[in-house]
Amino acid sequence: MNPRLVILDVVARPLYVVVLLASLVVLLRGHNEPGGGFIAGLVAVTASVLWALAHGPAAAEARLPFRSPLILSAVGVALGVVSGLPALLFGDAFLTHLWGAIPLGFTELKVSTVLVFDVGVYLCVWGALAGYALSLLEADLTPADDERPEPRR
């Protein structure tokens, strides 16, 4: 049984939120600057690992979108595929990305299929690597057969 670290328990909640917000900043910044879905997904994995260290792998998995690393990764792959389909409607090659802007009166919102692709990569990386890390942590917390106490008779 691992000892409970009170300081980690106290800082995990606000730090989890800050790290996930930072991952979203990296995700959205990646369209005009270096960054994007992959590195943002890695940052999100650190939030999940932090939560797992403070509250256990099962609690961290329950905080994932869709509550399953496998489903999270599958949704990410599906978004990546969907991002390439609009180009086919315009007669371009699959994954030829399209850009546009939505006027909002005082400004405009730039949109593109690249954003959908990056969100897919973000979710896929977060799901796959968080699932892997949480599985490793779970295995680390499970005592080996030779470490289990002998049953009382």
N, C-alpha and C. Protein backbone atom coordinates (compact mmCIF):
# COMPACT_ATOMS: atom_id res chain seq x y z
N MET A 1 0.84 -1.18 0.00
CA MET A 1 0.00 0.00 0.00
C MET A 1 0.88 1.24 0.00
N ASN A 2 0.62 2.16 -0.90
CA ASN A 2 1.42 3.37 -0.99
C ASN A 2 0.91 4.42 -0.01
N PRO A 3 1.84 5.15 0.61
CA PRO A 3 1.41 6.19 1.54
C PRO A 3 0.73 7.35 0.79
N ARG A 4 -0.21 7.97 1.43
CA ARG A 4 -0.92 9.10 0.84
C ARG A 4 -0.11 10.36 1.07
N LEU A 5 0.18 11.09 0.01
CA LEU A 5 0.91 12.34 0.11
C LEU A 5 -0.10 13.48 0.14
N VAL A 6 -0.23 14.11 1.30
CA VAL A 6 -1.24 15.15 1.47
C VAL A 6 -0.97 16.33 0.55
N ILE A 7 0.28 16.73 0.43
CA ILE A 7 0.60 17.89 -0.41
C ILE A 7 0.21 17.62 -1.86
N LEU A 8 0.46 16.41 -2.34
CA LEU A 8 0.09 16.06 -3.72
C LEU A 8 -1.43 16.05 -3.87
N ASP A 9 -2.11 15.54 -2.86
CA ASP A 9 -3.57 15.52 -2.88
C ASP A 9 -4.14 16.95 -2.95
N VAL A 10 -3.52 17.87 -2.24
CA VAL A 10 -4.01 19.25 -2.19
C VAL A 10 -3.75 20.00 -3.50
N VAL A 11 -2.57 19.83 -4.07
CA VAL A 11 -2.23 20.60 -5.27
C VAL A 11 -2.71 19.94 -6.57
N ALA A 12 -3.11 18.67 -6.50
CA ALA A 12 -3.48 17.96 -7.73
C ALA A 12 -4.66 18.60 -8.44
N ARG A 13 -5.70 19.00 -7.71
CA ARG A 13 -6.90 19.54 -8.35
C ARG A 13 -6.61 20.82 -9.13
N PRO A 14 -6.04 21.87 -8.51
CA PRO A 14 -5.79 23.08 -9.31
C PRO A 14 -4.73 22.87 -10.39
N LEU A 15 -3.72 22.05 -10.09
CA LEU A 15 -2.66 21.83 -11.07
C LEU A 15 -3.18 21.04 -12.26
N TYR A 16 -4.08 20.10 -12.02
CA TYR A 16 -4.70 19.34 -13.11
C TYR A 16 -5.39 20.29 -14.09
N VAL A 17 -6.16 21.22 -13.56
CA VAL A 17 -6.88 22.19 -14.40
C VAL A 17 -5.89 23.08 -15.15
N VAL A 18 -4.86 23.55 -14.48
CA VAL A 18 -3.87 24.43 -15.12
C VAL A 18 -3.15 23.70 -16.24
N VAL A 19 -2.77 22.46 -16.01
CA VAL A 19 -2.05 21.69 -17.04
C VAL A 19 -2.96 21.43 -18.25
N LEU A 20 -4.22 21.08 -18.01
CA LEU A 20 -5.14 20.87 -19.14
C LEU A 20 -5.39 22.16 -19.91
N LEU A 21 -5.51 23.28 -19.22
CA LEU A 21 -5.67 24.56 -19.91
C LEU A 21 -4.41 24.89 -20.73
N ALA A 22 -3.25 24.59 -20.18
CA ALA A 22 -2.00 24.80 -20.92
C ALA A 22 -1.97 23.92 -22.17
N SER A 23 -2.48 22.70 -22.06
CA SER A 23 -2.50 21.82 -23.24
C SER A 23 -3.41 22.39 -24.32
N LEU A 24 -4.52 23.01 -23.91
CA LEU A 24 -5.41 23.63 -24.90
C LEU A 24 -4.77 24.84 -25.56
N VAL A 25 -4.00 25.61 -24.79
CA VAL A 25 -3.28 26.75 -25.36
C VAL A 25 -2.28 26.26 -26.41
N VAL A 26 -1.54 25.22 -26.07
CA VAL A 26 -0.56 24.66 -27.02
C VAL A 26 -1.28 24.11 -28.26
N LEU A 27 -2.41 23.45 -28.05
CA LEU A 27 -3.19 22.93 -29.17
C LEU A 27 -3.61 24.04 -30.12
N LEU A 28 -4.18 25.10 -29.58
CA LEU A 28 -4.70 26.18 -30.43
C LEU A 28 -3.60 27.07 -31.00
N ARG A 29 -2.49 27.18 -30.32
CA ARG A 29 -1.38 28.00 -30.80
C ARG A 29 -0.71 27.36 -32.01
N GLY A 30 -0.80 26.06 -32.13
CA GLY A 30 -0.07 25.32 -33.14
C GLY A 30 -0.42 25.62 -34.57
N HIS A 31 -1.46 26.42 -34.83
CA HIS A 31 -1.81 26.71 -36.21
C HIS A 31 -1.01 27.85 -36.79
N ASN A 32 -0.47 28.71 -35.96
CA ASN A 32 0.33 29.83 -36.44
C ASN A 32 1.76 29.78 -35.92
N GLU A 33 2.00 28.97 -34.94
CA GLU A 33 3.32 28.85 -34.30
C GLU A 33 3.61 27.36 -34.14
N PRO A 34 4.85 27.03 -33.75
CA PRO A 34 5.14 25.62 -33.47
C PRO A 34 4.26 25.11 -32.33
N GLY A 35 3.85 23.90 -32.43
CA GLY A 35 2.97 23.30 -31.43
C GLY A 35 1.88 22.53 -32.14
N GLY A 36 0.82 22.28 -31.47
CA GLY A 36 -0.31 21.61 -32.09
C GLY A 36 -0.73 20.39 -31.32
N GLY A 37 -1.40 19.49 -32.03
CA GLY A 37 -2.05 18.36 -31.40
C GLY A 37 -1.15 17.40 -30.66
N PHE A 38 -0.01 17.07 -31.23
CA PHE A 38 0.83 16.04 -30.61
C PHE A 38 1.40 16.52 -29.28
N ILE A 39 2.05 17.67 -29.27
CA ILE A 39 2.66 18.15 -28.03
C ILE A 39 1.58 18.49 -27.02
N ALA A 40 0.44 19.01 -27.47
CA ALA A 40 -0.66 19.31 -26.55
C ALA A 40 -1.19 18.03 -25.92
N GLY A 41 -1.26 16.96 -26.70
CA GLY A 41 -1.67 15.67 -26.15
C GLY A 41 -0.71 15.17 -25.09
N LEU A 42 0.59 15.37 -25.31
CA LEU A 42 1.58 14.98 -24.31
C LEU A 42 1.41 15.77 -23.02
N VAL A 43 1.10 17.05 -23.15
CA VAL A 43 0.86 17.88 -21.96
C VAL A 43 -0.38 17.37 -21.22
N ALA A 44 -1.43 17.01 -21.95
CA ALA A 44 -2.64 16.48 -21.33
C ALA A 44 -2.35 15.16 -20.61
N VAL A 45 -1.46 14.35 -21.16
CA VAL A 45 -1.09 13.10 -20.50
C VAL A 45 -0.46 13.39 -19.14
N THR A 46 0.34 14.45 -19.04
CA THR A 46 0.95 14.78 -17.75
C THR A 46 -0.12 15.12 -16.72
N ALA A 47 -1.22 15.74 -17.14
CA ALA A 47 -2.31 16.02 -16.21
C ALA A 47 -2.92 14.71 -15.71
N SER A 48 -3.12 13.77 -16.62
CA SER A 48 -3.69 12.48 -16.22
C SER A 48 -2.76 11.71 -15.30
N VAL A 49 -1.47 11.74 -15.57
CA VAL A 49 -0.50 11.06 -14.72
C VAL A 49 -0.45 11.72 -13.34
N LEU A 50 -0.49 13.04 -13.31
CA LEU A 50 -0.53 13.75 -12.03
C LEU A 50 -1.73 13.29 -11.20
N TRP A 51 -2.90 13.23 -11.84
CA TRP A 51 -4.11 12.81 -11.12
C TRP A 51 -3.98 11.36 -10.65
N ALA A 52 -3.37 10.52 -11.47
CA ALA A 52 -3.18 9.11 -11.09
C ALA A 52 -2.24 8.98 -9.91
N LEU A 53 -1.20 9.78 -9.87
CA LEU A 53 -0.28 9.72 -8.74
C LEU A 53 -0.94 10.18 -7.45
N ALA A 54 -1.85 11.14 -7.55
CA ALA A 54 -2.51 11.67 -6.37
C ALA A 54 -3.70 10.81 -5.94
N HIS A 55 -4.45 10.25 -6.89
CA HIS A 55 -5.71 9.60 -6.56
C HIS A 55 -5.84 8.17 -7.08
N GLY A 56 -4.86 7.71 -7.81
CA GLY A 56 -4.91 6.34 -8.33
C GLY A 56 -5.27 6.30 -9.80
N PRO A 57 -4.80 5.27 -10.51
CA PRO A 57 -5.05 5.16 -11.95
C PRO A 57 -6.53 5.08 -12.31
N ALA A 58 -7.34 4.41 -11.51
CA ALA A 58 -8.77 4.30 -11.82
C ALA A 58 -9.44 5.67 -11.77
N ALA A 59 -9.07 6.49 -10.78
CA ALA A 59 -9.64 7.84 -10.67
C ALA A 59 -9.20 8.71 -11.85
N ALA A 60 -7.97 8.53 -12.29
CA ALA A 60 -7.48 9.31 -13.44
C ALA A 60 -8.20 8.88 -14.72
N GLU A 61 -8.43 7.59 -14.87
CA GLU A 61 -9.15 7.12 -16.06
C GLU A 61 -10.58 7.64 -16.07
N ALA A 62 -11.18 7.75 -14.90
CA ALA A 62 -12.55 8.25 -14.81
C ALA A 62 -12.65 9.73 -15.20
N ARG A 63 -11.54 10.47 -15.12
CA ARG A 63 -11.53 11.88 -15.48
C ARG A 63 -11.27 12.10 -16.97
N LEU A 64 -10.87 11.07 -17.68
CA LEU A 64 -10.64 11.21 -19.13
C LEU A 64 -11.96 11.47 -19.84
N PRO A 65 -11.92 12.24 -20.93
CA PRO A 65 -13.13 12.33 -21.76
C PRO A 65 -13.54 10.92 -22.20
N PHE A 66 -14.80 10.63 -22.17
CA PHE A 66 -15.37 9.32 -22.51
C PHE A 66 -15.00 8.24 -21.49
N ARG A 67 -14.28 8.59 -20.44
CA ARG A 67 -13.90 7.68 -19.34
C ARG A 67 -13.17 6.42 -19.81
N SER A 68 -12.57 6.48 -20.97
CA SER A 68 -11.86 5.33 -21.50
C SER A 68 -10.75 5.80 -22.44
N PRO A 69 -9.51 5.38 -22.18
CA PRO A 69 -8.42 5.76 -23.09
C PRO A 69 -8.62 5.22 -24.50
N LEU A 70 -9.18 4.01 -24.62
CA LEU A 70 -9.38 3.41 -25.93
C LEU A 70 -10.40 4.20 -26.74
N ILE A 71 -11.52 4.56 -26.13
CA ILE A 71 -12.54 5.34 -26.84
C ILE A 71 -12.01 6.72 -27.17
N LEU A 72 -11.26 7.33 -26.25
CA LEU A 72 -10.68 8.64 -26.50
C LEU A 72 -9.76 8.60 -27.72
N SER A 73 -8.92 7.58 -27.79
CA SER A 73 -8.02 7.44 -28.95
C SER A 73 -8.81 7.18 -30.23
N ALA A 74 -9.84 6.36 -30.16
CA ALA A 74 -10.64 6.05 -31.35
C ALA A 74 -11.36 7.30 -31.86
N VAL A 75 -11.88 8.12 -30.97
CA VAL A 75 -12.51 9.37 -31.38
C VAL A 75 -11.49 10.27 -32.05
N GLY A 76 -10.27 10.31 -31.52
CA GLY A 76 -9.21 11.11 -32.12
C GLY A 76 -8.88 10.65 -33.54
N VAL A 77 -8.76 9.35 -33.73
CA VAL A 77 -8.49 8.82 -35.07
C VAL A 77 -9.65 9.15 -36.01
N ALA A 78 -10.88 9.01 -35.52
CA ALA A 78 -12.05 9.32 -36.34
C ALA A 78 -12.06 10.79 -36.76
N LEU A 79 -11.72 11.68 -35.84
CA LEU A 79 -11.66 13.11 -36.19
C LEU A 79 -10.58 13.37 -37.23
N GLY A 80 -9.46 12.68 -37.11
CA GLY A 80 -8.40 12.84 -38.11
C GLY A 80 -8.88 12.43 -39.50
N VAL A 81 -9.63 11.33 -39.57
CA VAL A 81 -10.17 10.87 -40.85
C VAL A 81 -11.21 11.86 -41.38
N VAL A 82 -12.09 12.31 -40.49
CA VAL A 82 -13.15 13.24 -40.89
C VAL A 82 -12.56 14.55 -41.42
N SER A 83 -11.43 14.97 -40.86
CA SER A 83 -10.82 16.23 -41.31
C SER A 83 -10.36 16.18 -42.76
N GLY A 84 -10.12 14.99 -43.27
CA GLY A 84 -9.68 14.87 -44.65
C GLY A 84 -10.81 14.76 -45.66
N LEU A 85 -12.02 14.54 -45.20
CA LEU A 85 -13.15 14.32 -46.11
C LEU A 85 -13.63 15.57 -46.85
N PRO A 86 -13.64 16.78 -46.25
CA PRO A 86 -14.12 17.94 -47.01
C PRO A 86 -13.35 18.19 -48.31
N ALA A 87 -12.08 17.89 -48.32
CA ALA A 87 -11.30 18.09 -49.55
C ALA A 87 -11.84 17.22 -50.68
N LEU A 88 -12.29 16.03 -50.36
CA LEU A 88 -12.84 15.14 -51.39
C LEU A 88 -14.08 15.75 -52.02
N LEU A 89 -14.87 16.49 -51.23
CA LEU A 89 -16.08 17.14 -51.77
C LEU A 89 -15.74 18.21 -52.80
N PHE A 90 -14.54 18.80 -52.67
CA PHE A 90 -14.10 19.83 -53.62
C PHE A 90 -13.19 19.27 -54.70
N GLY A 91 -13.06 17.96 -54.76
CA GLY A 91 -12.26 17.33 -55.81
C GLY A 91 -10.76 17.34 -55.53
N ASP A 92 -10.36 17.67 -54.31
CA ASP A 92 -8.94 17.66 -53.95
C ASP A 92 -8.57 16.31 -53.33
N ALA A 93 -7.29 16.12 -53.12
CA ALA A 93 -6.81 14.89 -52.51
C ALA A 93 -7.21 14.82 -51.03
N PHE A 94 -7.40 13.61 -50.54
CA PHE A 94 -7.72 13.39 -49.14
C PHE A 94 -6.68 14.07 -48.26
N LEU A 95 -7.11 14.72 -47.22
CA LEU A 95 -6.29 15.47 -46.26
C LEU A 95 -5.69 16.75 -46.84
N THR A 96 -6.18 17.21 -48.00
CA THR A 96 -5.84 18.56 -48.44
C THR A 96 -6.70 19.48 -47.58
N HIS A 97 -6.07 20.30 -46.77
CA HIS A 97 -6.82 21.07 -45.79
C HIS A 97 -7.37 22.36 -46.38
N LEU A 98 -8.50 22.75 -45.83
CA LEU A 98 -9.22 23.94 -46.28
C LEU A 98 -9.27 24.96 -45.16
N TRP A 99 -9.20 26.25 -45.53
CA TRP A 99 -9.24 27.33 -44.56
C TRP A 99 -10.39 28.26 -44.89
N GLY A 100 -10.87 28.93 -43.86
CA GLY A 100 -11.92 29.91 -44.05
C GLY A 100 -12.00 30.82 -42.84
N ALA A 101 -12.95 31.74 -42.86
CA ALA A 101 -13.14 32.65 -41.74
C ALA A 101 -14.63 32.89 -41.54
N ILE A 102 -15.01 32.99 -40.29
CA ILE A 102 -16.39 33.29 -39.93
C ILE A 102 -16.40 34.72 -39.39
N PRO A 103 -17.07 35.67 -40.10
CA PRO A 103 -17.11 37.04 -39.61
C PRO A 103 -17.95 37.15 -38.33
N LEU A 104 -17.40 37.83 -37.33
CA LEU A 104 -18.10 38.01 -36.06
C LEU A 104 -18.40 39.49 -35.79
N GLY A 105 -18.48 40.30 -36.81
CA GLY A 105 -18.74 41.73 -36.64
C GLY A 105 -17.48 42.51 -36.41
N PHE A 106 -16.98 42.51 -35.19
CA PHE A 106 -15.78 43.27 -34.85
C PHE A 106 -14.49 42.53 -35.15
N THR A 107 -14.58 41.22 -35.42
CA THR A 107 -13.40 40.42 -35.76
C THR A 107 -13.89 39.21 -36.57
N GLU A 108 -12.99 38.33 -36.87
CA GLU A 108 -13.37 37.10 -37.57
C GLU A 108 -12.68 35.92 -36.91
N LEU A 109 -13.33 34.79 -36.97
CA LEU A 109 -12.80 33.56 -36.42
C LEU A 109 -12.25 32.72 -37.57
N LYS A 110 -10.94 32.50 -37.55
CA LYS A 110 -10.32 31.67 -38.58
C LYS A 110 -10.59 30.20 -38.27
N VAL A 111 -11.07 29.47 -39.26
CA VAL A 111 -11.36 28.04 -39.09
C VAL A 111 -10.68 27.27 -40.22
N SER A 112 -10.39 26.01 -39.92
CA SER A 112 -9.77 25.17 -40.94
C SER A 112 -9.97 23.71 -40.57
N THR A 113 -9.80 22.88 -41.55
CA THR A 113 -9.84 21.45 -41.28
C THR A 113 -8.59 21.01 -40.53
N VAL A 114 -7.56 21.85 -40.55
CA VAL A 114 -6.34 21.55 -39.79
C VAL A 114 -6.67 21.49 -38.30
N LEU A 115 -7.54 22.38 -37.84
CA LEU A 115 -7.92 22.38 -36.43
C LEU A 115 -8.60 21.06 -36.06
N VAL A 116 -9.48 20.56 -36.92
CA VAL A 116 -10.14 19.28 -36.65
C VAL A 116 -9.11 18.17 -36.60
N PHE A 117 -8.15 18.19 -37.52
CA PHE A 117 -7.09 17.18 -37.53
C PHE A 117 -6.26 17.25 -36.25
N ASP A 118 -5.87 18.46 -35.85
CA ASP A 118 -5.06 18.62 -34.64
C ASP A 118 -5.82 18.18 -33.39
N VAL A 119 -7.11 18.46 -33.32
CA VAL A 119 -7.90 18.00 -32.18
C VAL A 119 -7.93 16.47 -32.18
N GLY A 120 -8.02 15.86 -33.35
CA GLY A 120 -7.97 14.40 -33.44
C GLY A 120 -6.65 13.85 -32.96
N VAL A 121 -5.55 14.46 -33.36
CA VAL A 121 -4.23 14.02 -32.90
C VAL A 121 -4.13 14.19 -31.39
N TYR A 122 -4.60 15.32 -30.89
CA TYR A 122 -4.59 15.62 -29.45
C TYR A 122 -5.31 14.52 -28.67
N LEU A 123 -6.53 14.18 -29.10
CA LEU A 123 -7.30 13.16 -28.39
C LEU A 123 -6.67 11.78 -28.51
N CYS A 124 -6.15 11.47 -29.68
CA CYS A 124 -5.52 10.17 -29.90
C CYS A 124 -4.28 10.00 -29.03
N VAL A 125 -3.43 11.00 -29.02
CA VAL A 125 -2.20 10.95 -28.20
C VAL A 125 -2.56 10.89 -26.72
N TRP A 126 -3.49 11.73 -26.31
CA TRP A 126 -3.90 11.74 -24.90
C TRP A 126 -4.45 10.37 -24.49
N GLY A 127 -5.33 9.81 -25.28
CA GLY A 127 -5.91 8.52 -24.94
C GLY A 127 -4.90 7.39 -24.94
N ALA A 128 -4.10 7.31 -26.00
CA ALA A 128 -3.15 6.20 -26.12
C ALA A 128 -2.07 6.25 -25.04
N LEU A 129 -1.46 7.40 -24.87
CA LEU A 129 -0.36 7.48 -23.91
C LEU A 129 -0.84 7.52 -22.47
N ALA A 130 -2.00 8.13 -22.21
CA ALA A 130 -2.54 8.09 -20.86
C ALA A 130 -2.93 6.66 -20.50
N GLY A 131 -3.54 5.95 -21.44
CA GLY A 131 -3.88 4.55 -21.18
C GLY A 131 -2.65 3.72 -20.87
N TYR A 132 -1.58 3.95 -21.62
CA TYR A 132 -0.33 3.23 -21.40
C TYR A 132 0.26 3.58 -20.03
N ALA A 133 0.32 4.88 -19.72
CA ALA A 133 0.89 5.31 -18.45
C ALA A 133 0.06 4.82 -17.27
N LEU A 134 -1.25 4.90 -17.39
CA LEU A 134 -2.11 4.45 -16.29
C LEU A 134 -2.00 2.94 -16.09
N SER A 135 -1.83 2.20 -17.17
CA SER A 135 -1.63 0.75 -17.05
C SER A 135 -0.32 0.44 -16.34
N LEU A 136 0.72 1.19 -16.66
CA LEU A 136 2.01 0.99 -15.98
C LEU A 136 1.91 1.32 -14.50
N LEU A 137 1.22 2.42 -14.18
CA LEU A 137 1.05 2.79 -12.78
C LEU A 137 0.23 1.74 -12.03
N GLU A 138 -0.80 1.22 -12.68
CA GLU A 138 -1.63 0.17 -12.06
C GLU A 138 -0.79 -1.07 -11.79
N ALA A 139 0.04 -1.45 -12.75
CA ALA A 139 0.90 -2.62 -12.57
C ALA A 139 1.91 -2.38 -11.46
N ASP A 140 2.38 -1.16 -11.34
CA ASP A 140 3.33 -0.82 -10.29
C ASP A 140 2.68 -0.87 -8.91
N LEU A 141 1.41 -0.56 -8.83
CA LEU A 141 0.71 -0.55 -7.56
C LEU A 141 0.21 -1.93 -7.14
N THR A 142 0.15 -2.86 -8.09
CA THR A 142 -0.32 -4.21 -7.81
C THR A 142 0.85 -5.03 -7.29
N PRO A 143 0.75 -5.55 -6.06
CA PRO A 143 1.88 -6.32 -5.53
C PRO A 143 2.09 -7.62 -6.31
N ALA A 144 3.33 -7.99 -6.46
CA ALA A 144 3.66 -9.26 -7.12
C ALA A 144 3.26 -10.41 -6.20
N ASP A 145 3.15 -11.61 -6.76
CA ASP A 145 2.73 -12.77 -5.96
C ASP A 145 3.65 -13.02 -4.78
N ASP A 146 4.95 -12.82 -4.96
CA ASP A 146 5.88 -13.08 -3.87
C ASP A 146 5.88 -11.96 -2.82
N GLU A 147 5.21 -10.83 -3.10
CA GLU A 147 5.15 -9.73 -2.16
C GLU A 147 3.84 -9.72 -1.36
N ARG A 148 2.89 -10.57 -1.74
CA ARG A 148 1.61 -10.60 -1.04
C ARG A 148 1.77 -11.27 0.32
N PRO A 149 1.08 -10.74 1.31
CA PRO A 149 1.19 -11.36 2.64
C PRO A 149 0.54 -12.75 2.64
N GLU A 150 1.08 -13.63 3.47
CA GLU A 150 0.53 -14.97 3.59
C GLU A 150 -0.84 -14.89 4.26
N PRO A 151 -1.80 -15.68 3.77
CA PRO A 151 -3.12 -15.66 4.43
C PRO A 151 -3.03 -16.28 5.81
N ARG A 152 -3.84 -15.76 6.75
CA ARG A 152 -3.89 -16.31 8.10
C ARG A 152 -4.65 -17.63 8.10
N ARG A 153 -4.24 -18.52 8.95
CA ARG A 153 -4.93 -19.82 9.05
C ARG A 153 -5.68 -19.91 10.33
